[in-house]
C-alpha atoms as a PDB file:
ATOM      1  CA  MET A   1     -31.243 -19.146 -38.095  1.00  0.00           C
ATOM      2  CA  THR A   2     -28.546 -21.214 -39.773  1.00  0.00           C
ATOM      3  CA  ASN A   3     -24.926 -21.330 -40.434  1.00  0.00           C
ATOM      4  CA  GLU A   4     -24.648 -21.909 -43.947  1.00  0.00           C
ATOM      5  CA  PRO A   5     -21.057 -21.346 -45.885  1.00  0.00           C
ATOM      6  CA  LYS A   6     -21.919 -18.247 -47.918  1.00  0.00           C
ATOM      7  CA  THR A   7     -21.325 -18.192 -51.718  1.00  0.00           C
ATOM      8  CA  ASN A   8     -19.513 -16.082 -53.902  1.00  0.00           C
ATOM      9  CA  GLU A   9     -21.576 -13.912 -56.484  1.00  0.00           C
ATOM     10  CA  PRO A  10     -21.653 -16.012 -60.057  1.00  0.00           C
ATOM     11  CA  ALA A  11     -19.076 -15.406 -62.723  1.00  0.00           C
ATOM     12  CA  ALA A  12     -19.660 -13.965 -66.005  1.00  0.00           C
ATOM     13  CA  ASP A  13     -19.183 -17.912 -67.285  1.00  0.00           C
ATOM     14  CA  GLY A  14     -21.628 -19.149 -64.524  1.00  0.00           C
ATOM     15  CA  THR A  15     -19.326 -20.345 -62.328  1.00  0.00           C
ATOM     16  CA  ARG A  16     -18.820 -19.891 -58.814  1.00  0.00           C
ATOM     17  CA  ALA A  17     -16.011 -19.015 -56.372  1.00  0.00           C
ATOM     18  CA  PRO A  18     -14.951 -21.635 -53.643  1.00  0.00           C
ATOM     19  CA  ALA A  19     -17.285 -20.196 -50.438  1.00  0.00           C
ATOM     20  CA  ALA A  20     -15.415 -18.798 -47.342  1.00  0.00           C
ATOM     21  CA  PRO A  21     -15.585 -21.107 -44.759  1.00  0.00           C
ATOM     22  CA  PRO A  22     -16.639 -19.278 -41.645  1.00  0.00           C
ATOM     23  CA  ASP A  23     -14.333 -17.955 -38.782  1.00  0.00           C
ATOM     24  CA  GLY A  24     -12.479 -20.804 -37.189  1.00  0.00           C
ATOM     25  CA  LYS A  25     -13.395 -23.658 -39.514  1.00  0.00           C
ATOM     26  CA  ASP A  26     -11.715 -25.596 -41.726  1.00  0.00           C
ATOM     27  CA  GLY A  27     -11.106 -24.299 -45.581  1.00  0.00           C
ATOM     28  CA  PRO A  28     -13.018 -25.608 -48.624  1.00  0.00           C
ATOM     29  CA  ASP A  29     -10.358 -28.293 -48.989  1.00  0.00           C
ATOM     30  CA  GLY A  30     -10.134 -29.676 -45.403  1.00  0.00           C
ATOM     31  CA  THR A  31      -7.250 -27.564 -44.357  1.00  0.00           C
ATOM     32  CA  PRO A  32      -7.697 -26.093 -40.570  1.00  0.00           C
ATOM     33  CA  ALA A  33      -7.635 -22.159 -40.572  1.00  0.00           C
ATOM     34  CA  PRO A  34      -5.135 -20.316 -39.277  1.00  0.00           C
ATOM     35  CA  ALA A  35      -4.292 -20.126 -35.886  1.00  0.00           C
ATOM     36  CA  GLY A  36      -3.176 -16.710 -35.894  1.00  0.00           C
ATOM     37  CA  GLY A  37      -6.638 -15.280 -38.261  1.00  0.00           C
ATOM     38  CA  PRO A  38      -9.830 -13.080 -36.831  1.00  0.00           C
ATOM     39  CA  GLY A  39     -10.646 -14.509 -33.296  1.00  0.00           C
ATOM     40  CA  GLY A  40      -7.489 -16.534 -32.611  1.00  0.00           C
ATOM     41  CA  PRO A  41      -6.115 -16.801 -28.993  1.00  0.00           C
ATOM     42  CA  LEU A  42      -3.062 -14.156 -30.041  1.00  0.00           C
ATOM     43  CA  ALA A  43      -5.728 -11.428 -31.616  1.00  0.00           C
ATOM     44  CA  LEU A  44      -6.366 -10.219 -28.112  1.00  0.00           C
ATOM     45  CA  LEU A  45      -2.797  -9.307 -27.147  1.00  0.00           C
ATOM     46  CA  ARG A  46      -2.209  -8.023 -30.600  1.00  0.00           C
ATOM     47  CA  GLY A  47      -0.946  -4.905 -30.198  1.00  0.00           C
ATOM     48  CA  LYS A  48      -1.172  -4.484 -26.419  1.00  0.00           C
ATOM     49  CA  SER A  49       2.588  -4.596 -25.595  1.00  0.00           C
ATOM     50  CA  GLU A  50       1.450  -2.009 -22.687  1.00  0.00           C
ATOM     51  CA  LEU A  51       0.802  -5.331 -20.536  1.00  0.00           C
ATOM     52  CA  GLY A  52       4.333  -5.760 -19.938  1.00  0.00           C
ATOM     53  CA  VAL A  53       4.748  -2.717 -18.237  1.00  0.00           C
ATOM     54  CA  CYS A  54       1.563  -4.020 -16.174  1.00  0.00           C
ATOM     55  CA  LEU A  55       3.798  -7.406 -15.819  1.00  0.00           C
ATOM     56  CA  LEU A  56       6.335  -5.885 -14.637  1.00  0.00           C
ATOM     57  CA  LEU A  57       3.999  -3.162 -12.023  1.00  0.00           C
ATOM     58  CA  LEU A  58       2.428  -6.909 -10.502  1.00  0.00           C
ATOM     59  CA  ALA A  59       6.277  -8.539 -10.032  1.00  0.00           C
ATOM     60  CA  LEU A  60       7.638  -4.685  -8.131  1.00  0.00           C
ATOM     61  CA  GLY A  61       4.469  -5.049  -6.036  1.00  0.00           C
ATOM     62  CA  VAL A  62       4.098  -8.431  -5.374  1.00  0.00           C
ATOM     63  CA  LEU A  63       7.979  -8.182  -4.162  1.00  0.00           C
ATOM     64  CA  VAL A  64       7.799  -4.860  -2.329  1.00  0.00           C
ATOM     65  CA  LEU A  65       5.232  -6.868  -0.320  1.00  0.00           C
ATOM     66  CA  ILE A  66       6.994  -9.673   0.724  1.00  0.00           C
ATOM     67  CA  ASP A  67       9.911  -7.707   1.461  1.00  0.00           C
ATOM     68  CA  ALA A  68       7.512  -5.677   3.857  1.00  0.00           C
ATOM     69  CA  LEU A  69       5.958  -8.413   5.396  1.00  0.00           C
ATOM     70  CA  THR A  70       8.980 -10.019   6.076  1.00  0.00           C
ATOM     71  CA  MET A  71      11.076  -7.090   7.572  1.00  0.00           C
ATOM     72  CA  ASP A  72      12.830  -7.581  11.099  1.00  0.00           C
ATOM     73  CA  THR A  73      11.060  -4.253  12.764  1.00  0.00           C
ATOM     74  CA  ASP A  74      12.038  -5.004  16.401  1.00  0.00           C
ATOM     75  CA  TYR A  75      15.527  -2.810  16.293  1.00  0.00           C
ATOM     76  CA  ALA A  76      13.534   0.119  14.305  1.00  0.00           C
ATOM     77  CA  GLN A  77      10.443  -0.201  15.970  1.00  0.00           C
ATOM     78  CA  ARG A  78       9.331   3.435  17.182  1.00  0.00           C
ATOM     79  CA  GLY A  79       5.215   3.778  17.537  1.00  0.00           C
ATOM     80  CA  PRO A  80       2.806   2.367  16.857  1.00  0.00           C
ATOM     81  CA  VAL A  81       3.181   2.263  13.193  1.00  0.00           C
ATOM     82  CA  GLY A  82       6.482   0.341  11.863  1.00  0.00           C
ATOM     83  CA  PRO A  83       8.717   0.654   9.100  1.00  0.00           C
ATOM     84  CA  GLU A  84       6.596  -2.213   7.118  1.00  0.00           C
ATOM     85  CA  ALA A  85       3.636   0.362   6.905  1.00  0.00           C
ATOM     86  CA  VAL A  86       4.868   2.335   3.728  1.00  0.00           C
ATOM     87  CA  PRO A  87       6.662  -0.254   1.730  1.00  0.00           C
ATOM     88  CA  THR A  88       3.036  -2.311   2.306  1.00  0.00           C
ATOM     89  CA  VAL A  89       1.169   0.977   0.997  1.00  0.00           C
ATOM     90  CA  ILE A  90       3.436   1.030  -2.285  1.00  0.00           C
ATOM     91  CA  GLY A  91       3.321  -2.747  -2.640  1.00  0.00           C
ATOM     92  CA  ILE A  92      -0.532  -2.592  -2.417  1.00  0.00           C
ATOM     93  CA  ALA A  93      -0.779   1.018  -4.777  1.00  0.00           C
ATOM     94  CA  LEU A  94       2.162  -0.911  -7.386  1.00  0.00           C
ATOM     95  CA  LEU A  95      -0.909  -3.798  -7.433  1.00  0.00           C
ATOM     96  CA  VAL A  96      -4.327  -1.407  -7.613  1.00  0.00           C
ATOM     97  CA  VAL A  97      -1.882   0.166 -10.620  1.00  0.00           C
ATOM     98  CA  ALA A  98      -1.106  -2.942 -12.472  1.00  0.00           C
ATOM     99  CA  ALA A  99      -4.788  -3.899 -12.298  1.00  0.00           C
ATOM    100  CA  LEU A 100      -6.296  -0.739 -14.006  1.00  0.00           C
ATOM    101  CA  LEU A 101      -3.351  -0.255 -16.524  1.00  0.00           C
ATOM    102  CA  ALA A 102      -4.818  -3.882 -17.397  1.00  0.00           C
ATOM    103  CA  VAL A 103      -8.301  -3.310 -17.743  1.00  0.00           C
ATOM    104  CA  ASP A 104      -7.409  -0.192 -19.768  1.00  0.00           C
ATOM    105  CA  VAL A 105      -5.335  -1.586 -22.276  1.00  0.00           C
ATOM    106  CA  LEU A 106      -7.463  -5.008 -22.236  1.00  0.00           C
ATOM    107  CA  ARG A 107     -10.213  -2.360 -23.291  1.00  0.00           C
ATOM    108  CA  GLY A 108      -8.284  -0.952 -25.673  1.00  0.00           C
ATOM    109  CA  GLY A 109      -6.609   2.259 -24.156  1.00  0.00           C
ATOM    110  CA  LYS A 110      -3.330   2.804 -25.924  1.00  0.00           C
ATOM    111  CA  GLY A 111      -0.581   5.877 -24.759  1.00  0.00           C
ATOM    112  CA  GLU A 112      -0.056   8.225 -26.904  1.00  0.00           C
ATOM    113  CA  ALA A 113       2.951  10.659 -27.559  1.00  0.00           C
ATOM    114  CA  GLU A 114       2.791  14.160 -26.616  1.00  0.00           C
ATOM    115  CA  GLY A 115       2.944  16.766 -29.336  1.00  0.00           C
ATOM    116  CA  GLY A 116       6.547  17.866 -28.835  1.00  0.00           C
ATOM    117  CA  GLU A 117       8.345  14.426 -27.602  1.00  0.00           C
ATOM    118  CA  ASP A 118      10.726  13.797 -30.438  1.00  0.00           C
ATOM    119  CA  ILE A 119      10.585  10.361 -30.571  1.00  0.00           C
ATOM    120  CA  ASP A 120      10.257   7.097 -32.893  1.00  0.00           C
ATOM    121  CA  LEU A 121       7.607   4.823 -31.189  1.00  0.00           C
ATOM    122  CA  ASP A 122       8.236   2.187 -33.933  1.00  0.00           C
ATOM    123  CA  ALA A 123      12.030   2.077 -33.263  1.00  0.00           C
ATOM    124  CA  PRO A 124      12.993  -1.104 -31.488  1.00  0.00           C
ATOM    125  CA  SER A 125      13.380  -1.004 -28.040  1.00  0.00           C
ATOM    126  CA  GLU A 126      17.484  -0.650 -26.451  1.00  0.00           C
ATOM    127  CA  TRP A 127      18.409  -3.885 -25.237  1.00  0.00           C
ATOM    128  CA  ARG A 128      21.852  -3.233 -24.601  1.00  0.00           C
ATOM    129  CA  THR A 129      20.913  -0.553 -21.900  1.00  0.00           C
ATOM    130  CA  VAL A 130      18.471  -2.729 -19.927  1.00  0.00           C
ATOM    131  CA  LEU A 131      20.637  -5.510 -19.740  1.00  0.00           C
ATOM    132  CA  LEU A 132      23.802  -3.122 -18.503  1.00  0.00           C
ATOM    133  CA  LEU A 133      21.228  -1.577 -16.402  1.00  0.00           C
ATOM    134  CA  ALA A 134      19.572  -4.990 -15.112  1.00  0.00           C
ATOM    135  CA  GLY A 135      23.789  -5.914 -14.866  1.00  0.00           C
ATOM    136  CA  VAL A 136      24.786  -3.126 -12.575  1.00  0.00           C
ATOM    137  CA  PHE A 137      21.786  -3.745 -10.011  1.00  0.00           C
ATOM    138  CA  LEU A 138      22.341  -7.125  -9.209  1.00  0.00           C
ATOM    139  CA  ALA A 139      26.389  -6.845  -9.366  1.00  0.00           C
ATOM    140  CA  SER A 140      25.399  -4.364  -6.641  1.00  0.00           C
ATOM    141  CA  ALA A 141      22.798  -6.447  -4.542  1.00  0.00           C
ATOM    142  CA  PHE A 142      25.119  -8.803  -4.267  1.00  0.00           C
ATOM    143  CA  LEU A 143      28.501  -7.104  -3.465  1.00  0.00           C
ATOM    144  CA  ILE A 144      26.916  -5.050  -0.972  1.00  0.00           C
ATOM    145  CA  GLY A 145      27.113  -7.411   1.752  1.00  0.00           C
ATOM    146  CA  GLU A 146      30.751  -8.207   1.122  1.00  0.00           C
ATOM    147  CA  VAL A 147      32.078  -4.775   0.197  1.00  0.00           C
ATOM    148  CA  GLY A 148      29.806  -2.530   1.988  1.00  0.00           C
ATOM    149  CA  PHE A 149      27.531  -0.186   0.359  1.00  0.00           C
ATOM    150  CA  PRO A 150      29.474   3.030  -0.009  1.00  0.00           C
ATOM    151  CA  ILE A 151      31.981   0.554  -2.476  1.00  0.00           C
ATOM    152  CA  ALA A 152      28.554  -1.186  -3.812  1.00  0.00           C
ATOM    153  CA  GLY A 153      26.443   2.479  -4.603  1.00  0.00           C
ATOM    154  CA  ALA A 154      29.859   4.099  -6.117  1.00  0.00           C
ATOM    155  CA  LEU A 155      29.638   1.025  -8.497  1.00  0.00           C
ATOM    156  CA  LEU A 156      26.268   1.263  -8.806  1.00  0.00           C
ATOM    157  CA  PHE A 157      25.507   4.866  -9.580  1.00  0.00           C
ATOM    158  CA  TRP A 158      28.977   4.779 -11.906  1.00  0.00           C
ATOM    159  CA  GLY A 159      27.501   2.082 -14.054  1.00  0.00           C
ATOM    160  CA  ALA A 160      24.454   3.265 -14.339  1.00  0.00           C
ATOM    161  CA  ALA A 161      25.380   6.623 -15.705  1.00  0.00           C
ATOM    162  CA  TYR A 162      27.731   4.622 -18.264  1.00  0.00           C
ATOM    163  CA  ALA A 163      24.610   2.358 -19.175  1.00  0.00           C
ATOM    164  CA  LEU A 164      22.308   5.460 -20.108  1.00  0.00           C
ATOM    165  CA  GLY A 165      25.054   6.659 -21.888  1.00  0.00           C
ATOM    166  CA  SER A 166      27.355   8.908 -20.169  1.00  0.00           C
ATOM    167  CA  ARG A 167      31.526   9.014 -20.680  1.00  0.00           C
ATOM    168  CA  ALA A 168      33.032  11.210 -18.541  1.00  0.00           C
ATOM    169  CA  PHE A 169      35.544   8.809 -16.982  1.00  0.00           C
ATOM    170  CA  ALA A 170      37.253  11.468 -14.978  1.00  0.00           C
ATOM    171  CA  THR A 171      34.270  12.670 -13.038  1.00  0.00           C
ATOM    172  CA  ASP A 172      31.548  10.069 -13.272  1.00  0.00           C
ATOM    173  CA  PRO A 173      33.678   7.949 -10.480  1.00  0.00           C
ATOM    174  CA  LEU A 174      34.165  10.664  -8.411  1.00  0.00           C
ATOM    175  CA  VAL A 175      30.706  12.120  -8.675  1.00  0.00           C
ATOM    176  CA  ALA A 176      29.053   8.558  -7.655  1.00  0.00           C
ATOM    177  CA  ALA A 177      31.888   8.060  -5.054  1.00  0.00           C
ATOM    178  CA  VAL A 178      30.426  11.097  -3.415  1.00  0.00           C
ATOM    179  CA  LEU A 179      27.190  10.184  -3.870  1.00  0.00           C
ATOM    180  CA  SER A 180      27.210   6.649  -2.734  1.00  0.00           C
ATOM    181  CA  VAL A 181      29.309   7.960   1.017  1.00  0.00           C
ATOM    182  CA  VAL A 182      26.805  11.379   1.088  1.00  0.00           C
ATOM    183  CA  THR A 183      24.222   8.203   0.701  1.00  0.00           C
ATOM    184  CA  TYR A 184      25.526   6.614   3.825  1.00  0.00           C
ATOM    185  CA  THR A 185      26.305   9.155   5.752  1.00  0.00           C
ATOM    186  CA  VAL A 186      22.576  10.535   5.693  1.00  0.00           C
ATOM    187  CA  PHE A 187      20.764   7.109   6.038  1.00  0.00           C
ATOM    188  CA  ASN A 188      22.925   5.529   8.733  1.00  0.00           C
ATOM    189  CA  ASN A 189      24.032   7.876  10.459  1.00  0.00           C
ATOM    190  CA  LEU A 190      21.510  10.784  10.407  1.00  0.00           C
ATOM    191  CA  LEU A 191      18.692   8.658  10.085  1.00  0.00           C
ATOM    192  CA  GLY A 192      19.399   5.482  12.377  1.00  0.00           C
ATOM    193  CA  VAL A 193      18.748   2.851   9.185  1.00  0.00           C
ATOM    194  CA  PRO A 194      22.364   0.937   9.420  1.00  0.00           C
ATOM    195  CA  LEU A 195      23.540  -0.259   6.285  1.00  0.00           C
ATOM    196  CA  PRO A 196      26.847  -2.558   6.302  1.00  0.00           C
ATOM    197  CA  GLY A 197      30.180  -0.181   5.710  1.00  0.00           C
ATOM    198  CA  GLY A 198      32.655  -2.768   4.699  1.00  0.00           C
ATOM    199  CA  PRO A 199      36.354  -2.431   4.507  1.00  0.00           C
ATOM    200  CA  LEU A 200      36.421   0.907   3.302  1.00  0.00           C
ATOM    201  CA  MET A 201      34.142   2.752   6.618  1.00  0.00           C
ATOM    202  CA  GLU A 202      36.292   0.306   8.882  1.00  0.00           C
ATOM    203  CA  VAL A 203      39.231   2.138   7.858  1.00  0.00           C
ATOM    204  CA  LEU A 204      38.121   5.617   7.783  1.00  0.00           C
END
């Protein structure tokens, strides 16, 4: 079976319109077909923005596994199961979920909003909130070694609340400070997981 170009039916005056080029071939005048046309490399990714979630899960899984495999367990080993067991399982689970989600998306799967969900799926992403949250997390990660967990944690809780829209400037800092100190006390004193106290805990 030959791939001969198809011609249109003759018009009323006996003339024929130019033949449509086969998919991926040059046009009748010799110009190349557009790269984004049917069958183009970008056609497979069109409408599959969920692949971004797959990449995020993949990156998180790799980071968790690297952190678990390089963890110093000498001070926290209690029996045959060390502290690296749980993050290793979580990292592997993240990789499996990322792979399964990517396969489902590439096969045409798409998440559907619930019937009572009052959101606009066509609305643009709120990048300001995303960037604020990312900045708060990075700032807390850099500050925790210098000022300790209680102060860095309070900044993390307060900054996250502000990025998500809370403007209770009278109560948010107080709630963030209480949450941070309670979290530090539970992990450092009760569970035996050492956290940097910083100058605040040295004074107290």
